[in-house]
Amino acid sequence: MVIEGKKYELEAEAKGRVALLALGDYKAKRVEDVHKNNYESSQTYEFQFADGKTRKFTVIGQTE
């Protein structure tokens, strides 16, 4: 997934299983951005789908 020019790998928990986000254009907003120190961070985005439903996805990987 590309967000603001950066490539992210995202996942969400769905009833005890891992859910991956399908490729596409989505409305999204960052709802969590925690930086414990200079080398660790945690980010979560909330995506809105065409049917109006939303789901939160956590960043599990990032590349430039």
PDB file of N, CA and C in Angstrom:
ATOM      1  N   MET A   1       0.850  -1.154   0.000  1.00  0.00           N
ATOM      2  CA  MET A   1       0.000   0.000   0.000  1.00  0.00           C
ATOM      3  C   MET A   1       0.902   1.224   0.000  1.00  0.00           C
ATOM      4  N   VAL A   2       0.585   2.226  -0.806  1.00  0.00           N
ATOM      5  CA  VAL A   2       1.351   3.467  -0.840  1.00  0.00           C
ATOM      6  C   VAL A   2       0.530   4.554  -0.166  1.00  0.00           C
ATOM      7  N   ILE A   3       1.112   5.171   0.866  1.00  0.00           N
ATOM      8  CA  ILE A   3       0.482   6.259   1.599  1.00  0.00           C
ATOM      9  C   ILE A   3       1.477   7.404   1.644  1.00  0.00           C
ATOM     10  N   GLU A   4       1.086   8.538   1.084  1.00  0.00           N
ATOM     11  CA  GLU A   4       1.938   9.725   1.046  1.00  0.00           C
ATOM     12  C   GLU A   4       3.340   9.402   0.515  1.00  0.00           C
ATOM     13  N   GLY A   5       3.402   8.595  -0.535  1.00  0.00           N
ATOM     14  CA  GLY A   5       4.653   8.286  -1.197  1.00  0.00           C
ATOM     15  C   GLY A   5       5.499   7.199  -0.557  1.00  0.00           C
ATOM     16  N   LYS A   6       5.098   6.674   0.599  1.00  0.00           N
ATOM     17  CA  LYS A   6       5.841   5.602   1.257  1.00  0.00           C
ATOM     18  C   LYS A   6       5.085   4.287   1.094  1.00  0.00           C
ATOM     19  N   LYS A   7       5.834   3.199   0.936  1.00  0.00           N
ATOM     20  CA  LYS A   7       5.223   1.890   0.774  1.00  0.00           C
ATOM     21  C   LYS A   7       5.120   1.201   2.133  1.00  0.00           C
ATOM     22  N   TYR A   8       3.910   0.750   2.468  1.00  0.00           N
ATOM     23  CA  TYR A   8       3.645   0.087   3.739  1.00  0.00           C
ATOM     24  C   TYR A   8       3.056  -1.295   3.498  1.00  0.00           C
ATOM     25  N   GLU A   9       3.337  -2.198   4.409  1.00  0.00           N
ATOM     26  CA  GLU A   9       2.645  -3.478   4.466  1.00  0.00           C
ATOM     27  C   GLU A   9       1.731  -3.392   5.679  1.00  0.00           C
ATOM     28  N   LEU A  10       0.454  -3.713   5.474  1.00  0.00           N
ATOM     29  CA  LEU A  10      -0.555  -3.545   6.521  1.00  0.00           C
ATOM     30  C   LEU A  10      -1.258  -4.866   6.797  1.00  0.00           C
ATOM     31  N   GLU A  11      -1.743  -5.007   8.038  1.00  0.00           N
ATOM     32  CA  GLU A  11      -2.582  -6.151   8.356  1.00  0.00           C
ATOM     33  C   GLU A  11      -3.539  -5.773   9.474  1.00  0.00           C
ATOM     34  N   ALA A  12      -4.613  -6.555   9.591  1.00  0.00           N
ATOM     35  CA  ALA A  12      -5.611  -6.364  10.642  1.00  0.00           C
ATOM     36  C   ALA A  12      -6.034  -7.718  11.163  1.00  0.00           C
ATOM     37  N   GLU A  13      -6.439  -7.751  12.425  1.00  0.00           N
ATOM     38  CA  GLU A  13      -6.991  -8.990  12.984  1.00  0.00           C
ATOM     39  C   GLU A  13      -8.475  -9.044  12.660  1.00  0.00           C
ATOM     40  N   ALA A  14      -8.943 -10.175  12.203  1.00  0.00           N
ATOM     41  CA  ALA A  14     -10.346 -10.365  11.869  1.00  0.00           C
ATOM     42  C   ALA A  14     -10.793 -11.715  12.406  1.00  0.00           C
ATOM     43  N   LYS A  15     -11.445 -11.694  13.550  1.00  0.00           N
ATOM     44  CA  LYS A  15     -11.956 -12.920  14.163  1.00  0.00           C
ATOM     45  C   LYS A  15     -10.848 -13.957  14.346  1.00  0.00           C
ATOM     46  N   GLY A  16      -9.714 -13.504  14.895  1.00  0.00           N
ATOM     47  CA  GLY A  16      -8.620 -14.410  15.195  1.00  0.00           C
ATOM     48  C   GLY A  16      -7.728 -14.748  14.018  1.00  0.00           C
ATOM     49  N   ARG A  17      -8.040 -14.229  12.839  1.00  0.00           N
ATOM     50  CA  ARG A  17      -7.228 -14.474  11.649  1.00  0.00           C
ATOM     51  C   ARG A  17      -6.654 -13.155  11.162  1.00  0.00           C
ATOM     52  N   VAL A  18      -5.622 -13.231  10.368  1.00  0.00           N
ATOM     53  CA  VAL A  18      -5.014 -12.034   9.801  1.00  0.00           C
ATOM     54  C   VAL A  18      -5.739 -11.666   8.514  1.00  0.00           C
ATOM     55  N   ALA A  19      -6.101 -10.390   8.377  1.00  0.00           N
ATOM     56  CA  ALA A  19      -6.753  -9.906   7.162  1.00  0.00           C
ATOM     57  C   ALA A  19      -5.798  -8.968   6.437  1.00  0.00           C
ATOM     58  N   LEU A  20      -5.626  -9.182   5.144  1.00  0.00           N
ATOM     59  CA  LEU A  20      -4.793  -8.316   4.325  1.00  0.00           C
ATOM     60  C   LEU A  20      -5.685  -7.397   3.509  1.00  0.00           C
ATOM     61  N   LEU A  21      -5.211  -6.183   3.286  1.00  0.00           N
ATOM     62  CA  LEU A  21      -5.970  -5.187   2.534  1.00  0.00           C
ATOM     63  C   LEU A  21      -5.724  -5.383   1.043  1.00  0.00           C
ATOM     64  N   ALA A  22      -6.798  -5.526   0.269  1.00  0.00           N
ATOM     65  CA  ALA A  22      -6.679  -5.684  -1.180  1.00  0.00           C
ATOM     66  C   ALA A  22      -6.182  -4.383  -1.802  1.00  0.00           C
ATOM     67  N   LEU A  23      -5.467  -4.509  -2.912  1.00  0.00           N
ATOM     68  CA  LEU A  23      -4.987  -3.324  -3.612  1.00  0.00           C
ATOM     69  C   LEU A  23      -6.162  -2.491  -4.086  1.00  0.00           C
ATOM     70  N   GLY A  24      -6.011  -1.167  -4.028  1.00  0.00           N
ATOM     71  CA  GLY A  24      -7.066  -0.265  -4.478  1.00  0.00           C
ATOM     72  C   GLY A  24      -6.868   1.111  -3.888  1.00  0.00           C
ATOM     73  N   ASP A  25      -7.760   2.037  -4.236  1.00  0.00           N
ATOM     74  CA  ASP A  25      -7.739   3.387  -3.686  1.00  0.00           C
ATOM     75  C   ASP A  25      -8.777   3.473  -2.574  1.00  0.00           C
ATOM     76  N   TYR A  26      -8.337   3.921  -1.404  1.00  0.00           N
ATOM     77  CA  TYR A  26      -9.211   3.993  -0.234  1.00  0.00           C
ATOM     78  C   TYR A  26      -9.037   5.342   0.449  1.00  0.00           C
ATOM     79  N   LYS A  27     -10.073   5.759   1.149  1.00  0.00           N
ATOM     80  CA  LYS A  27      -9.944   6.885   2.065  1.00  0.00           C
ATOM     81  C   LYS A  27      -9.351   6.330   3.341  1.00  0.00           C
ATOM     82  N   ALA A  28      -8.363   7.019   3.879  1.00  0.00           N
ATOM     83  CA  ALA A  28      -7.704   6.524   5.090  1.00  0.00           C
ATOM     84  C   ALA A  28      -7.256   7.692   5.952  1.00  0.00           C
ATOM     85  N   LYS A  29      -7.171   7.428   7.252  1.00  0.00           N
ATOM     86  CA  LYS A  29      -6.603   8.420   8.162  1.00  0.00           C
ATOM     87  C   LYS A  29      -5.757   7.695   9.193  1.00  0.00           C
ATOM     88  N   ARG A  30      -4.681   8.341   9.603  1.00  0.00           N
ATOM     89  CA  ARG A  30      -3.822   7.753  10.633  1.00  0.00           C
ATOM     90  C   ARG A  30      -4.494   7.997  11.981  1.00  0.00           C
ATOM     91  N   VAL A  31      -4.697   6.920  12.738  1.00  0.00           N
ATOM     92  CA  VAL A  31      -5.364   7.031  14.037  1.00  0.00           C
ATOM     93  C   VAL A  31      -4.414   6.744  15.192  1.00  0.00           C
ATOM     94  N   GLU A  32      -3.206   6.243  14.881  1.00  0.00           N
ATOM     95  CA  GLU A  32      -2.205   6.011  15.926  1.00  0.00           C
ATOM     96  C   GLU A  32      -0.825   6.209  15.319  1.00  0.00           C
ATOM     97  N   ASP A  33       0.022   6.938  16.034  1.00  0.00           N
ATOM     98  CA  ASP A  33       1.398   7.167  15.593  1.00  0.00           C
ATOM     99  C   ASP A  33       2.254   7.309  16.844  1.00  0.00           C
ATOM    100  N   VAL A  34       2.785   6.191  17.321  1.00  0.00           N
ATOM    101  CA  VAL A  34       3.542   6.153  18.572  1.00  0.00           C
ATOM    102  C   VAL A  34       5.018   5.928  18.250  1.00  0.00           C
ATOM    103  N   HIS A  35       5.866   6.780  18.777  1.00  0.00           N
ATOM    104  CA  HIS A  35       7.321   6.644  18.627  1.00  0.00           C
ATOM    105  C   HIS A  35       7.923   6.539  20.027  1.00  0.00           C
ATOM    106  N   LYS A  36       8.233   5.315  20.445  1.00  0.00           N
ATOM    107  CA  LYS A  36       8.782   5.087  21.782  1.00  0.00           C
ATOM    108  C   LYS A  36      10.196   5.636  21.903  1.00  0.00           C
ATOM    109  N   ASN A  37      10.947   5.581  20.803  1.00  0.00           N
ATOM    110  CA  ASN A  37      12.331   6.048  20.781  1.00  0.00           C
ATOM    111  C   ASN A  37      12.719   6.272  19.321  1.00  0.00           C
ATOM    112  N   ASN A  38      14.004   6.453  19.037  1.00  0.00           N
ATOM    113  CA  ASN A  38      14.449   6.747  17.671  1.00  0.00           C
ATOM    114  C   ASN A  38      14.382   5.558  16.717  1.00  0.00           C
ATOM    115  N   TYR A  39      14.207   4.344  17.221  1.00  0.00           N
ATOM    116  CA  TYR A  39      14.245   3.167  16.352  1.00  0.00           C
ATOM    117  C   TYR A  39      12.987   2.311  16.394  1.00  0.00           C
ATOM    118  N   GLU A  40      11.977   2.673  17.172  1.00  0.00           N
ATOM    119  CA  GLU A  40      10.716   1.921  17.230  1.00  0.00           C
ATOM    120  C   GLU A  40       9.533   2.852  17.014  1.00  0.00           C
ATOM    121  N   SER A  41       8.579   2.370  16.226  1.00  0.00           N
ATOM    122  CA  SER A  41       7.340   3.129  16.063  1.00  0.00           C
ATOM    123  C   SER A  41       6.187   2.162  15.815  1.00  0.00           C
ATOM    124  N   SER A  42       4.991   2.654  16.041  1.00  0.00           N
ATOM    125  CA  SER A  42       3.778   1.878  15.811  1.00  0.00           C
ATOM    126  C   SER A  42       2.755   2.806  15.171  1.00  0.00           C
ATOM    127  N   GLN A  43       2.238   2.404  14.008  1.00  0.00           N
ATOM    128  CA  GLN A  43       1.252   3.226  13.311  1.00  0.00           C
ATOM    129  C   GLN A  43       0.049   2.387  12.932  1.00  0.00           C
ATOM    130  N   THR A  44      -1.128   3.000  13.054  1.00  0.00           N
ATOM    131  CA  THR A  44      -2.375   2.361  12.660  1.00  0.00           C
ATOM    132  C   THR A  44      -3.171   3.336  11.804  1.00  0.00           C
ATOM    133  N   TYR A  45      -3.730   2.809  10.723  1.00  0.00           N
ATOM    134  CA  TYR A  45      -4.566   3.597   9.821  1.00  0.00           C
ATOM    135  C   TYR A  45      -5.971   3.010   9.819  1.00  0.00           C
ATOM    136  N   GLU A  46      -6.970   3.883   9.714  1.00  0.00           N
ATOM    137  CA  GLU A  46      -8.354   3.451   9.571  1.00  0.00           C
ATOM    138  C   GLU A  46      -8.770   3.693   8.124  1.00  0.00           C
ATOM    139  N   PHE A  47      -9.212   2.650   7.449  1.00  0.00           N
ATOM    140  CA  PHE A  47      -9.614   2.724   6.057  1.00  0.00           C
ATOM    141  C   PHE A  47     -11.126   2.675   5.944  1.00  0.00           C
ATOM    142  N   GLN A  48     -11.667   3.482   5.025  1.00  0.00           N
ATOM    143  CA  GLN A  48     -13.100   3.454   4.758  1.00  0.00           C
ATOM    144  C   GLN A  48     -13.299   2.816   3.389  1.00  0.00           C
ATOM    145  N   PHE A  49     -14.223   1.868   3.336  1.00  0.00           N
ATOM    146  CA  PHE A  49     -14.500   1.131   2.112  1.00  0.00           C
ATOM    147  C   PHE A  49     -15.724   1.695   1.402  1.00  0.00           C
ATOM    148  N   ALA A  50     -15.952   1.269   0.179  1.00  0.00           N
ATOM    149  CA  ALA A  50     -17.039   1.790  -0.652  1.00  0.00           C
ATOM    150  C   ALA A  50     -18.409   1.630   0.005  1.00  0.00           C
ATOM    151  N   ASP A  51     -18.578   0.592   0.825  1.00  0.00           N
ATOM    152  CA  ASP A  51     -19.877   0.368   1.482  1.00  0.00           C
ATOM    153  C   ASP A  51     -20.028   1.178   2.768  1.00  0.00           C
ATOM    154  N   GLY A  52     -19.036   2.038   3.088  1.00  0.00           N
ATOM    155  CA  GLY A  52     -19.098   2.889   4.274  1.00  0.00           C
ATOM    156  C   GLY A  52     -18.493   2.265   5.517  1.00  0.00           C
ATOM    157  N   LYS A  53     -18.196   0.982   5.480  1.00  0.00           N
ATOM    158  CA  LYS A  53     -17.583   0.317   6.631  1.00  0.00           C
ATOM    159  C   LYS A  53     -16.128   0.741   6.764  1.00  0.00           C
ATOM    160  N   THR A  54     -15.623   0.660   7.991  1.00  0.00           N
ATOM    161  CA  THR A  54     -14.225   0.992   8.247  1.00  0.00           C
ATOM    162  C   THR A  54     -13.541  -0.163   8.956  1.00  0.00           C
ATOM    163  N   ARG A  55     -12.213  -0.194   8.830  1.00  0.00           N
ATOM    164  CA  ARG A  55     -11.418  -1.185   9.544  1.00  0.00           C
ATOM    165  C   ARG A  55     -10.042  -0.595   9.779  1.00  0.00           C
ATOM    166  N   LYS A  56      -9.472  -0.921  10.924  1.00  0.00           N
ATOM    167  CA  LYS A  56      -8.141  -0.444  11.264  1.00  0.00           C
ATOM    168  C   LYS A  56      -7.097  -1.469  10.841  1.00  0.00           C
ATOM    169  N   PHE A  57      -6.017  -0.971  10.236  1.00  0.00           N
ATOM    170  CA  PHE A  57      -4.887  -1.797   9.803  1.00  0.00           C
ATOM    171  C   PHE A  57      -3.625  -1.255  10.429  1.00  0.00           C
ATOM    172  N   THR A  58      -2.796  -2.155  10.907  1.00  0.00           N
ATOM    173  CA  THR A  58      -1.529  -1.810  11.542  1.00  0.00           C
ATOM    174  C   THR A  58      -0.397  -1.957  10.538  1.00  0.00           C
ATOM    175  N   VAL A  59       0.537  -1.006  10.564  1.00  0.00           N
ATOM    176  CA  VAL A  59       1.718  -1.075   9.709  1.00  0.00           C
ATOM    177  C   VAL A  59       2.646  -2.160  10.251  1.00  0.00           C
ATOM    178  N   ILE A  60       2.987  -3.143   9.397  1.00  0.00           N
ATOM    179  CA  ILE A  60       3.903  -4.213   9.817  1.00  0.00           C
ATOM    180  C   ILE A  60       5.191  -4.193   9.011  1.00  0.00           C
ATOM    181  N   GLY A  61       5.273  -3.293   8.005  1.00  0.00           N
ATOM    182  CA  GLY A  61       6.478  -3.180   7.196  1.00  0.00           C
ATOM    183  C   GLY A  61       6.468  -1.874   6.448  1.00  0.00           C
ATOM    184  N   GLN A  62       7.657  -1.314   6.168  1.00  0.00           N
ATOM    185  CA  GLN A  62       7.765  -0.048   5.467  1.00  0.00           C
ATOM    186  C   GLN A  62       9.020  -0.034   4.603  1.00  0.00           C
ATOM    187  N   THR A  63       8.888   0.465   3.360  1.00  0.00           N
ATOM    188  CA  THR A  63      10.041   0.660   2.484  1.00  0.00           C
ATOM    189  C   THR A  63       9.929   2.027   1.835  1.00  0.00           C
ATOM    190  N   GLU A  64      11.021   2.516   1.337  1.00  0.00           N
ATOM    191  CA  GLU A  64      11.043   3.818   0.651  1.00  0.00           C
ATOM    192  C   GLU A  64      10.729   3.654  -0.795  1.00  0.00           C
TER     193      GLU A  64
END
